Amino acid sequence: MIIKPDGTVRRHVSAIVLKTLLDQGLRVKAFKEMSVPRSLAEKHYAVHKERPFFQWLVDFLTSAPVIVMILEGEDAIEKIRNALGKTFVQDADPTSLRGKYGIWKGVNIAHASDAPETAKNEIALWTSEGGLEVSSDAQALASQYIEHYIKSDIDMTMKIRKTVVDAIESNNTSEGTIDILTELLGKDSNGINQSDIRTLAKVIHDFILEEISNKNK
C-alpha cells in the first residue's frame, strides 16, 4: 500500500488512514516514508504505459513524499480496499477514507494492491528498487507516526476539493490556483519541503487543466 503525496503531505489525513487500517487488525510489516524516483514510478505504473494519463500518474507519485507499507492480516486486500472506497473520489462512499479525504477522481490519497499476485509483484518492486524492508519495528514506526500526527485537527480536504471542483466547473485555468492549493496543502505538512508541496500543487493543477480540456471536447 502507498499513501500518495496528497495524503502524506496532509499529516493528519495520513495518520487517520493508518489508524483506520490498524484498527481493523492489520499488521505493519514494512513502513517507509520516501521520495519516489521517476524510474520506480514508471515501473509501478507500467500497466498504464500506453494510456494518455501515464505521465501524469508518474508526475503525481514523484511530486512529494509518500508512505509505502507492507500490511498483513486475514483478508488484508479486501479490508484495505473496502476502507479506502472506490477509486474515484466522487464515486466513493462518503464514509470511506477516499470519500472523506480524497480530493477528486484519481487524486485519491492511496494506492492498494488489488490481488495477491499484484501485491507479490509490487512488494518485489518496492523492496528491490525502493529500499522497502520488512522489519521488526515497522508496527512501532507506524504507531509512532499516528501518535505524532493524529493530534492535529487540521483538515483542509473540503476546501481543497472545492478549489479543484470549482476550477473545473468554471473553466478556470489560472495559475493562481496553484498558489491556493500550495497554501491549503501546506496547512498540516510538518517536515515536508515547501518546494515539494508546490510541485504537488502544480501536478494537481495539471489534472485540473486536463479535466477542463476533456470536459470541453
C-alpha atoms as a PDB file:
ATOM      1  CA  MET A   1       0.000   0.000   0.000  1.00  0.00           C
ATOM      2  CA  ILE A   2       1.101   3.551  -0.735  1.00  0.00           C
ATOM      3  CA  ILE A   3      -0.233   6.704   0.874  1.00  0.00           C
ATOM      4  CA  LYS A   4       0.167   9.039  -2.090  1.00  0.00           C
ATOM      5  CA  PRO A   5       1.594  12.575  -1.968  1.00  0.00           C
ATOM      6  CA  ASP A   6      -1.821  14.195  -1.478  1.00  0.00           C
ATOM      7  CA  GLY A   7      -2.246  12.030   1.633  1.00  0.00           C
ATOM      8  CA  THR A   8       1.295  12.152   3.024  1.00  0.00           C
ATOM      9  CA  VAL A   9       1.613  15.935   2.695  1.00  0.00           C
ATOM     10  CA  ARG A  10      -1.521  16.252   4.838  1.00  0.00           C
ATOM     11  CA  ARG A  11      -0.153  14.680   8.008  1.00  0.00           C
ATOM     12  CA  HIS A  12      -3.439  14.410   9.896  1.00  0.00           C
ATOM     13  CA  VAL A  13      -5.070  12.680   6.923  1.00  0.00           C
ATOM     14  CA  SER A  14      -2.266  10.142   6.547  1.00  0.00           C
ATOM     15  CA  ALA A  15      -2.405   9.399  10.284  1.00  0.00           C
ATOM     16  CA  ILE A  16      -6.151   8.756  10.031  1.00  0.00           C
ATOM     17  CA  VAL A  17      -5.625   6.397   7.075  1.00  0.00           C
ATOM     18  CA  LEU A  18      -3.038   4.444   9.059  1.00  0.00           C
ATOM     19  CA  LYS A  19      -5.130   4.312  12.223  1.00  0.00           C
ATOM     20  CA  THR A  20      -8.204   3.119  10.318  1.00  0.00           C
ATOM     21  CA  LEU A  21      -6.259   0.201   8.859  1.00  0.00           C
ATOM     22  CA  LEU A  22      -4.551  -0.769  12.106  1.00  0.00           C
ATOM     23  CA  ASP A  23      -7.889  -0.624  13.931  1.00  0.00           C
ATOM     24  CA  GLN A  24      -9.028  -3.431  11.620  1.00  0.00           C
ATOM     25  CA  GLY A  25      -6.317  -5.683  12.978  1.00  0.00           C
ATOM     26  CA  LEU A  26      -3.867  -5.332  10.096  1.00  0.00           C
ATOM     27  CA  ARG A  27      -0.183  -5.622  10.963  1.00  0.00           C
ATOM     28  CA  VAL A  28       2.533  -3.405   9.502  1.00  0.00           C
ATOM     29  CA  LYS A  29       5.467  -5.479   8.245  1.00  0.00           C
ATOM     30  CA  ALA A  30       7.313  -2.663   6.455  1.00  0.00           C
ATOM     31  CA  PHE A  31       6.988   1.116   6.761  1.00  0.00           C
ATOM     32  CA  LYS A  32       8.900   3.825   4.922  1.00  0.00           C
ATOM     33  CA  GLU A  33       8.392   7.482   4.074  1.00  0.00           C
ATOM     34  CA  MET A  34      10.309   8.303   0.905  1.00  0.00           C
ATOM     35  CA  SER A  35      10.572  10.372  -2.244  1.00  0.00           C
ATOM     36  CA  VAL A  36       9.909   8.172  -5.270  1.00  0.00           C
ATOM     37  CA  PRO A  37      12.461   8.071  -8.107  1.00  0.00           C
ATOM     38  CA  ARG A  38      10.905   8.598 -11.518  1.00  0.00           C
ATOM     39  CA  SER A  39      12.215   5.249 -12.747  1.00  0.00           C
ATOM     40  CA  LEU A  40      10.411   3.448  -9.919  1.00  0.00           C
ATOM     41  CA  ALA A  41       7.154   5.320 -10.512  1.00  0.00           C
ATOM     42  CA  GLU A  42       7.293   4.393 -14.197  1.00  0.00           C
ATOM     43  CA  LYS A  43       7.710   0.726 -13.331  1.00  0.00           C
ATOM     44  CA  HIS A  44       4.945   0.869 -10.730  1.00  0.00           C
ATOM     45  CA  TYR A  45       2.524   2.278 -13.306  1.00  0.00           C
ATOM     46  CA  ALA A  46       3.888   0.267 -16.238  1.00  0.00           C
ATOM     47  CA  VAL A  47       0.486  -1.348 -16.817  1.00  0.00           C
ATOM     48  CA  HIS A  48      -0.770   2.112 -17.851  1.00  0.00           C
ATOM     49  CA  LYS A  49       2.220   2.979 -20.052  1.00  0.00           C
ATOM     50  CA  GLU A  50       0.184   3.286 -23.244  1.00  0.00           C
ATOM     51  CA  ARG A  51      -2.572   5.342 -21.623  1.00  0.00           C
ATOM     52  CA  PRO A  52      -2.653   9.126 -22.098  1.00  0.00           C
ATOM     53  CA  PHE A  53      -2.593   9.732 -18.325  1.00  0.00           C
ATOM     54  CA  PHE A  54       0.580   7.667 -17.703  1.00  0.00           C
ATOM     55  CA  GLN A  55       2.957  10.627 -17.455  1.00  0.00           C
ATOM     56  CA  TRP A  56       0.591  12.443 -15.108  1.00  0.00           C
ATOM     57  CA  LEU A  57       0.492   9.387 -12.816  1.00  0.00           C
ATOM     58  CA  VAL A  58       4.283   9.386 -12.718  1.00  0.00           C
ATOM     59  CA  ASP A  59       4.405  13.138 -12.084  1.00  0.00           C
ATOM     60  CA  PHE A  60       1.874  12.731  -9.272  1.00  0.00           C
ATOM     61  CA  LEU A  61       3.648   9.884  -7.479  1.00  0.00           C
ATOM     62  CA  THR A  62       7.023  11.655  -7.655  1.00  0.00           C
ATOM     63  CA  SER A  63       5.783  15.143  -6.743  1.00  0.00           C
ATOM     64  CA  ALA A  64       6.175  14.853  -2.950  1.00  0.00           C
ATOM     65  CA  PRO A  65       6.966  12.150  -0.357  1.00  0.00           C
ATOM     66  CA  VAL A  66       4.834   9.037   0.016  1.00  0.00           C
ATOM     67  CA  ILE A  67       4.446   6.409   2.720  1.00  0.00           C
ATOM     68  CA  VAL A  68       4.995   2.869   1.448  1.00  0.00           C
ATOM     69  CA  MET A  69       3.941  -0.135   3.522  1.00  0.00           C
ATOM     70  CA  ILE A  70       3.518  -3.865   3.522  1.00  0.00           C
ATOM     71  CA  LEU A  71       0.413  -4.799   5.505  1.00  0.00           C
ATOM     72  CA  GLU A  72      -0.510  -8.277   6.643  1.00  0.00           C
ATOM     73  CA  GLY A  73      -3.659  -9.878   8.020  1.00  0.00           C
ATOM     74  CA  GLU A  74      -6.661 -12.008   7.260  1.00  0.00           C
ATOM     75  CA  ASP A  75      -8.474 -10.669   4.155  1.00  0.00           C
ATOM     76  CA  ALA A  76      -5.988  -7.787   4.129  1.00  0.00           C
ATOM     77  CA  ILE A  77      -6.570  -6.794   0.499  1.00  0.00           C
ATOM     78  CA  GLU A  78     -10.347  -6.739   0.885  1.00  0.00           C
ATOM     79  CA  LYS A  79     -10.186  -4.843   4.185  1.00  0.00           C
ATOM     80  CA  ILE A  80      -7.839  -2.192   2.811  1.00  0.00           C
ATOM     81  CA  ARG A  81      -9.772  -1.622  -0.393  1.00  0.00           C
ATOM     82  CA  ASN A  82     -13.118  -1.530   1.422  1.00  0.00           C
ATOM     83  CA  ALA A  83     -11.751   1.013   3.886  1.00  0.00           C
ATOM     84  CA  LEU A  84     -10.402   3.183   1.074  1.00  0.00           C
ATOM     85  CA  GLY A  85     -13.573   3.078  -1.017  1.00  0.00           C
ATOM     86  CA  LYS A  86     -13.956   3.254  -4.786  1.00  0.00           C
ATOM     87  CA  THR A  87     -11.025   4.547  -6.835  1.00  0.00           C
ATOM     88  CA  PHE A  88     -12.630   7.800  -7.988  1.00  0.00           C
ATOM     89  CA  VAL A  89     -13.291  10.073  -5.022  1.00  0.00           C
ATOM     90  CA  GLN A  90     -16.701  11.216  -6.224  1.00  0.00           C
ATOM     91  CA  ASP A  91     -17.832   7.582  -6.554  1.00  0.00           C
ATOM     92  CA  ALA A  92     -16.579   6.522  -3.126  1.00  0.00           C
ATOM     93  CA  ASP A  93     -18.916   6.044  -0.193  1.00  0.00           C
ATOM     94  CA  PRO A  94     -18.887   9.330   1.796  1.00  0.00           C
ATOM     95  CA  THR A  95     -17.955   7.345   4.916  1.00  0.00           C
ATOM     96  CA  SER A  96     -14.908   5.707   3.271  1.00  0.00           C
ATOM     97  CA  LEU A  97     -11.411   7.165   3.510  1.00  0.00           C
ATOM     98  CA  ARG A  98     -11.470   8.411  -0.070  1.00  0.00           C
ATOM     99  CA  GLY A  99     -14.989   9.742   0.376  1.00  0.00           C
ATOM    100  CA  LYS A 100     -13.897  11.706   3.427  1.00  0.00           C
ATOM    101  CA  TYR A 101     -10.366  12.753   2.500  1.00  0.00           C
ATOM    102  CA  GLY A 102      -9.810  12.266  -1.235  1.00  0.00           C
ATOM    103  CA  ILE A 103      -9.573  15.355  -3.423  1.00  0.00           C
ATOM    104  CA  TRP A 104     -11.136  14.410  -6.779  1.00  0.00           C
ATOM    105  CA  LYS A 105     -11.087  11.463  -9.153  1.00  0.00           C
ATOM    106  CA  GLY A 106      -7.630   9.794  -9.017  1.00  0.00           C
ATOM    107  CA  VAL A 107      -6.186  12.350  -6.597  1.00  0.00           C
ATOM    108  CA  ASN A 108      -7.385   9.861  -4.034  1.00  0.00           C
ATOM    109  CA  ILE A 109      -4.867   9.620  -1.128  1.00  0.00           C
ATOM    110  CA  ALA A 110      -3.746   5.995  -1.563  1.00  0.00           C
ATOM    111  CA  HIS A 111      -2.857   3.038  -3.760  1.00  0.00           C
ATOM    112  CA  ALA A 112      -3.528  -0.527  -2.670  1.00  0.00           C
ATOM    113  CA  SER A 113      -2.732  -3.798  -4.421  1.00  0.00           C
ATOM    114  CA  ASP A 114      -5.898  -5.295  -5.858  1.00  0.00           C
ATOM    115  CA  ALA A 115      -4.982  -9.004  -5.805  1.00  0.00           C
ATOM    116  CA  PRO A 116      -2.430 -11.371  -4.206  1.00  0.00           C
ATOM    117  CA  GLU A 117      -0.390 -11.618  -7.411  1.00  0.00           C
ATOM    118  CA  THR A 118      -0.350  -7.848  -7.809  1.00  0.00           C
ATOM    119  CA  ALA A 119       0.735  -7.482  -4.176  1.00  0.00           C
ATOM    120  CA  LYS A 120       3.531 -10.014  -4.697  1.00  0.00           C
ATOM    121  CA  ASN A 121       4.841  -8.155  -7.746  1.00  0.00           C
ATOM    122  CA  GLU A 122       4.547  -4.712  -6.156  1.00  0.00           C
ATOM    123  CA  ILE A 123       6.268  -5.824  -2.958  1.00  0.00           C
ATOM    124  CA  ALA A 124       9.122  -7.247  -5.025  1.00  0.00           C
ATOM    125  CA  LEU A 125       9.439  -3.971  -6.957  1.00  0.00           C
ATOM    126  CA  TRP A 126       9.379  -1.673  -3.947  1.00  0.00           C
ATOM    127  CA  THR A 127      11.770  -3.806  -1.904  1.00  0.00           C
ATOM    128  CA  SER A 128      14.279  -4.193  -4.735  1.00  0.00           C
ATOM    129  CA  GLU A 129      14.148  -0.636  -6.106  1.00  0.00           C
ATOM    130  CA  GLY A 130      12.514   1.413  -3.359  1.00  0.00           C
ATOM    131  CA  GLY A 131      14.502   0.177  -0.390  1.00  0.00           C
ATOM    132  CA  LEU A 132      11.380  -1.014   1.435  1.00  0.00           C
ATOM    133  CA  GLU A 133      12.348  -3.582   4.074  1.00  0.00           C
ATOM    134  CA  VAL A 134      10.398  -5.878   6.346  1.00  0.00           C
ATOM    135  CA  SER A 135      11.479  -5.001   9.883  1.00  0.00           C
ATOM    136  CA  SER A 136      10.536  -5.888  13.438  1.00  0.00           C
ATOM    137  CA  ASP A 137       9.938  -2.232  14.313  1.00  0.00           C
ATOM    138  CA  ALA A 138       7.613  -1.408  11.379  1.00  0.00           C
ATOM    139  CA  GLN A 139       4.460  -1.648  13.505  1.00  0.00           C
ATOM    140  CA  ALA A 140       6.014   0.612  16.133  1.00  0.00           C
ATOM    141  CA  LEU A 141       7.068   3.147  13.492  1.00  0.00           C
ATOM    142  CA  ALA A 142       3.530   3.277  12.131  1.00  0.00           C
ATOM    143  CA  SER A 143       2.090   3.650  15.631  1.00  0.00           C
ATOM    144  CA  GLN A 144       4.531   6.466  16.410  1.00  0.00           C
ATOM    145  CA  TYR A 145       3.544   8.221  13.193  1.00  0.00           C
ATOM    146  CA  ILE A 146      -0.119   8.007  14.134  1.00  0.00           C
ATOM    147  CA  GLU A 147       0.504   9.258  17.668  1.00  0.00           C
ATOM    148  CA  HIS A 148       2.562  12.185  16.384  1.00  0.00           C
ATOM    149  CA  TYR A 149       0.154  13.437  13.707  1.00  0.00           C
ATOM    150  CA  ILE A 150      -3.324  12.290  14.750  1.00  0.00           C
ATOM    151  CA  LYS A 151      -3.472  15.060  17.358  1.00  0.00           C
ATOM    152  CA  SER A 152      -3.728  17.744  14.701  1.00  0.00           C
ATOM    153  CA  ASP A 153      -7.277  18.813  13.961  1.00  0.00           C
ATOM    154  CA  ILE A 154      -6.329  20.475  10.679  1.00  0.00           C
ATOM    155  CA  ASP A 155      -8.287  19.033   7.779  1.00  0.00           C
ATOM    156  CA  MET A 156      -8.418  21.142   4.631  1.00  0.00           C
ATOM    157  CA  THR A 157      -9.966  18.401   2.478  1.00  0.00           C
ATOM    158  CA  MET A 158     -13.239  20.155   1.688  1.00  0.00           C
ATOM    159  CA  LYS A 159     -11.523  23.453   0.863  1.00  0.00           C
ATOM    160  CA  ILE A 160      -9.017  21.697  -1.404  1.00  0.00           C
ATOM    161  CA  ARG A 161     -11.763  19.641  -3.046  1.00  0.00           C
ATOM    162  CA  LYS A 162     -13.901  22.750  -3.575  1.00  0.00           C
ATOM    163  CA  THR A 163     -10.962  24.620  -5.111  1.00  0.00           C
ATOM    164  CA  VAL A 164     -10.396  21.802  -7.600  1.00  0.00           C
ATOM    165  CA  VAL A 165     -14.060  21.211  -8.468  1.00  0.00           C
ATOM    166  CA  ASP A 166     -14.842  24.934  -8.779  1.00  0.00           C
ATOM    167  CA  ALA A 167     -11.865  25.407 -11.120  1.00  0.00           C
ATOM    168  CA  ILE A 168     -13.018  22.531 -13.325  1.00  0.00           C
ATOM    169  CA  GLU A 169     -16.646  23.648 -13.416  1.00  0.00           C
ATOM    170  CA  SER A 170     -15.783  27.304 -14.122  1.00  0.00           C
ATOM    171  CA  ASN A 171     -13.072  26.513 -16.706  1.00  0.00           C
ATOM    172  CA  ASN A 172     -10.587  28.401 -14.535  1.00  0.00           C
ATOM    173  CA  THR A 173      -7.118  27.686 -15.924  1.00  0.00           C
ATOM    174  CA  SER A 174      -5.416  30.436 -13.922  1.00  0.00           C
ATOM    175  CA  GLU A 175      -2.101  29.535 -12.321  1.00  0.00           C
ATOM    176  CA  GLY A 176      -3.331  31.397  -9.259  1.00  0.00           C
ATOM    177  CA  THR A 177      -4.990  28.114  -8.345  1.00  0.00           C
ATOM    178  CA  ILE A 178      -1.500  26.708  -7.750  1.00  0.00           C
ATOM    179  CA  ASP A 179      -0.917  29.327  -5.045  1.00  0.00           C
ATOM    180  CA  ILE A 180      -4.234  28.486  -3.367  1.00  0.00           C
ATOM    181  CA  LEU A 181      -3.536  24.745  -3.453  1.00  0.00           C
ATOM    182  CA  THR A 182       0.013  25.264  -2.150  1.00  0.00           C
ATOM    183  CA  GLU A 183      -1.340  27.231   0.802  1.00  0.00           C
ATOM    184  CA  LEU A 184      -4.079  24.709   1.617  1.00  0.00           C
ATOM    185  CA  LEU A 185      -1.865  21.639   1.233  1.00  0.00           C
ATOM    186  CA  GLY A 186       0.770  23.269   3.409  1.00  0.00           C
ATOM    187  CA  LYS A 187      -1.504  23.841   6.404  1.00  0.00           C
ATOM    188  CA  ASP A 188      -0.592  20.495   8.019  1.00  0.00           C
ATOM    189  CA  SER A 189       2.615  19.455   6.271  1.00  0.00           C
ATOM    190  CA  ASN A 190       5.146  19.217   9.081  1.00  0.00           C
ATOM    191  CA  GLY A 191       8.534  18.108   7.733  1.00  0.00           C
ATOM    192  CA  ILE A 192       7.581  18.384   4.048  1.00  0.00           C
ATOM    193  CA  ASN A 193       9.669  20.740   1.905  1.00  0.00           C
ATOM    194  CA  GLN A 194       7.787  23.753   0.589  1.00  0.00           C
ATOM    195  CA  SER A 195       9.130  23.020  -2.891  1.00  0.00           C
ATOM    196  CA  ASP A 196       7.540  19.556  -2.768  1.00  0.00           C
ATOM    197  CA  ILE A 197       4.204  21.000  -1.678  1.00  0.00           C
ATOM    198  CA  ARG A 198       4.250  23.433  -4.603  1.00  0.00           C
ATOM    199  CA  THR A 199       5.245  20.675  -7.027  1.00  0.00           C
ATOM    200  CA  LEU A 200       2.256  18.644  -5.839  1.00  0.00           C
ATOM    201  CA  ALA A 201       0.018  21.702  -6.262  1.00  0.00           C
ATOM    202  CA  LYS A 202       1.296  22.113  -9.840  1.00  0.00           C
ATOM    203  CA  VAL A 203       0.572  18.459 -10.624  1.00  0.00           C
ATOM    204  CA  ILE A 204      -2.965  18.818  -9.258  1.00  0.00           C
ATOM    205  CA  HIS A 205      -3.306  21.950 -11.398  1.00  0.00           C
ATOM    206  CA  ASP A 206      -2.251  19.880 -14.424  1.00  0.00           C
ATOM    207  CA  PHE A 207      -5.059  17.491 -13.515  1.00  0.00           C
ATOM    208  CA  ILE A 208      -7.500  20.413 -13.444  1.00  0.00           C
ATOM    209  CA  LEU A 209      -6.354  21.570 -16.897  1.00  0.00           C
ATOM    210  CA  GLU A 210      -6.825  18.067 -18.313  1.00  0.00           C
ATOM    211  CA  GLU A 211     -10.280  17.773 -16.775  1.00  0.00           C
ATOM    212  CA  ILE A 212     -11.270  21.120 -18.310  1.00  0.00           C
ATOM    213  CA  SER A 213      -9.901  20.041 -21.683  1.00  0.00           C
ATOM    214  CA  ASN A 214     -11.808  16.764 -21.595  1.00  0.00           C
ATOM    215  CA  LYS A 215     -14.988  18.474 -20.470  1.00  0.00           C
ATOM    216  CA  ASN A 216     -14.889  20.934 -23.360  1.00  0.00           C
ATOM    217  CA  LYS A 217     -14.146  18.464 -26.141  1.00  0.00           C
END
